[in-house]
Structures are given as C-alpha cells and as structure tokens.
Amino acid sequence: MWGLLRDISNGATFKGYTLSKDEWKRLLTAHLYGKERLTRTMSISEMNDFLLFLESFCVDNNITLHI
C-alpha cells in the first residue's frame, strides 16, 4: 500500500497541490468508502478493494508504478 501511495504522491496533484502519502490515503479512502477509514481496521476484503482502487487510480491518472 505504501509503495502505491508513494507513487501517487510523487506523480499526482490534487487541485494543484502536492499531497503526502498520508494525505492521499485519507483522501482516497474517503472517496472509496464515503468517509475516512483507518486502514488498520479494514477487513482483508476491504483492504484488497482499496489496493485495487489505488492501482486503478494510478492507471487512470498515468502514474508509473515502481513496485
């Protein structure tokens, strides 16, 4: 997860602002689940969905993955 968030942080901006890995995590969990979620409380299925969402976000935004 942190590798994906690093790539997102290095390759994307939000409304012109550069965000940290933690900021991207909060923003994207809120987008996926409708509210900010703590990843440590997610089930395995929810974490898998979040990781797939991160990968899709990278593809949709032409972010190169370094994993």
C-alpha atoms as a PDB file:
ATOM      1  CA  MET A   1       0.000   0.000   0.000  1.00  0.00           C
ATOM      2  CA  TRP A   2       2.706   2.487   0.947  1.00  0.00           C
ATOM      3  CA  GLY A   3       4.560   1.883  -2.315  1.00  0.00           C
ATOM      4  CA  LEU A   4       1.415   2.688  -4.281  1.00  0.00           C
ATOM      5  CA  LEU A   5       0.773   5.779  -2.164  1.00  0.00           C
ATOM      6  CA  ARG A   6       4.388   6.886  -2.684  1.00  0.00           C
ATOM      7  CA  ASP A   7       3.944   6.614  -6.455  1.00  0.00           C
ATOM      8  CA  ILE A   8       0.666   8.540  -6.252  1.00  0.00           C
ATOM      9  CA  SER A   9       2.243  11.212  -4.047  1.00  0.00           C
ATOM     10  CA  ASN A  10       5.153  11.587  -6.463  1.00  0.00           C
ATOM     11  CA  GLY A  11       3.063  11.504  -9.624  1.00  0.00           C
ATOM     12  CA  ALA A  12      -0.219  13.276  -8.932  1.00  0.00           C
ATOM     13  CA  THR A  13      -1.579  16.531  -7.615  1.00  0.00           C
ATOM     14  CA  PHE A  14      -4.958  17.353  -6.110  1.00  0.00           C
ATOM     15  CA  LYS A  15      -6.377  20.649  -7.362  1.00  0.00           C
ATOM     16  CA  GLY A  16      -2.805  21.794  -7.999  1.00  0.00           C
ATOM     17  CA  TYR A  17      -1.471  20.748  -4.575  1.00  0.00           C
ATOM     18  CA  THR A  18       1.099  18.079  -3.841  1.00  0.00           C
ATOM     19  CA  LEU A  19      -0.111  15.758  -1.089  1.00  0.00           C
ATOM     20  CA  SER A  20       1.816  13.447   1.230  1.00  0.00           C
ATOM     21  CA  LYS A  21       1.252   9.676   1.280  1.00  0.00           C
ATOM     22  CA  ASP A  22      -0.927  10.037   4.405  1.00  0.00           C
ATOM     23  CA  GLU A  23      -2.990  12.803   2.825  1.00  0.00           C
ATOM     24  CA  TRP A  24      -3.550  10.697  -0.286  1.00  0.00           C
ATOM     25  CA  LYS A  25      -4.524   7.717   1.881  1.00  0.00           C
ATOM     26  CA  ARG A  26      -7.124   9.799   3.750  1.00  0.00           C
ATOM     27  CA  LEU A  27      -8.459  11.358   0.555  1.00  0.00           C
ATOM     28  CA  LEU A  28      -8.729   8.094  -1.369  1.00  0.00           C
ATOM     29  CA  THR A  29     -10.236   6.056   1.476  1.00  0.00           C
ATOM     30  CA  ALA A  30     -12.832   8.802   1.894  1.00  0.00           C
ATOM     31  CA  HIS A  31     -13.535   8.714  -1.842  1.00  0.00           C
ATOM     32  CA  LEU A  32     -13.893   4.920  -1.933  1.00  0.00           C
ATOM     33  CA  TYR A  33     -15.876   4.443   1.290  1.00  0.00           C
ATOM     34  CA  GLY A  34     -17.680   7.774   1.599  1.00  0.00           C
ATOM     35  CA  LYS A  35     -15.747   8.667   4.751  1.00  0.00           C
ATOM     36  CA  GLU A  36     -12.187   8.490   6.007  1.00  0.00           C
ATOM     37  CA  ARG A  37     -11.289   4.963   7.118  1.00  0.00           C
ATOM     38  CA  LEU A  38      -8.408   3.657   9.168  1.00  0.00           C
ATOM     39  CA  THR A  39      -6.712   1.006   7.068  1.00  0.00           C
ATOM     40  CA  ARG A  40      -5.770  -0.972  10.180  1.00  0.00           C
ATOM     41  CA  THR A  41      -9.485  -1.559  10.881  1.00  0.00           C
ATOM     42  CA  MET A  42     -10.287  -2.758   7.343  1.00  0.00           C
ATOM     43  CA  SER A  43     -11.105  -6.375   6.685  1.00  0.00           C
ATOM     44  CA  ILE A  44      -8.913  -8.305   4.265  1.00  0.00           C
ATOM     45  CA  SER A  45     -11.585  -7.881   1.600  1.00  0.00           C
ATOM     46  CA  GLU A  46     -11.814  -4.117   2.179  1.00  0.00           C
ATOM     47  CA  MET A  47      -8.020  -3.748   2.063  1.00  0.00           C
ATOM     48  CA  ASN A  48      -7.912  -5.746  -1.158  1.00  0.00           C
ATOM     49  CA  ASP A  49     -10.587  -3.459  -2.640  1.00  0.00           C
ATOM     50  CA  PHE A  50      -8.597  -0.408  -1.537  1.00  0.00           C
ATOM     51  CA  LEU A  51      -5.384  -1.719  -3.124  1.00  0.00           C
ATOM     52  CA  LEU A  52      -7.212  -2.419  -6.386  1.00  0.00           C
ATOM     53  CA  PHE A  53      -8.675   1.086  -6.212  1.00  0.00           C
ATOM     54  CA  LEU A  54      -5.175   2.560  -5.772  1.00  0.00           C
ATOM     55  CA  GLU A  55      -3.897   0.609  -8.777  1.00  0.00           C
ATOM     56  CA  SER A  56      -6.881   1.756 -10.863  1.00  0.00           C
ATOM     57  CA  PHE A  57      -6.275   5.353  -9.769  1.00  0.00           C
ATOM     58  CA  CYS A  58      -2.679   5.062 -10.963  1.00  0.00           C
ATOM     59  CA  VAL A  59      -3.710   3.654 -14.343  1.00  0.00           C
ATOM     60  CA  ASP A  60      -6.442   6.267 -14.826  1.00  0.00           C
ATOM     61  CA  ASN A  61      -4.007   9.083 -13.995  1.00  0.00           C
ATOM     62  CA  ASN A  62      -0.982   7.763 -15.924  1.00  0.00           C
ATOM     63  CA  ILE A  63       1.079   7.273 -12.783  1.00  0.00           C
ATOM     64  CA  THR A  64       4.074   4.982 -13.207  1.00  0.00           C
ATOM     65  CA  LEU A  65       4.153   2.213 -10.610  1.00  0.00           C
ATOM     66  CA  HIS A  66       7.521   1.320  -9.101  1.00  0.00           C
ATOM     67  CA  ILE A  67       6.558  -1.894  -7.340  1.00  0.00           C
END
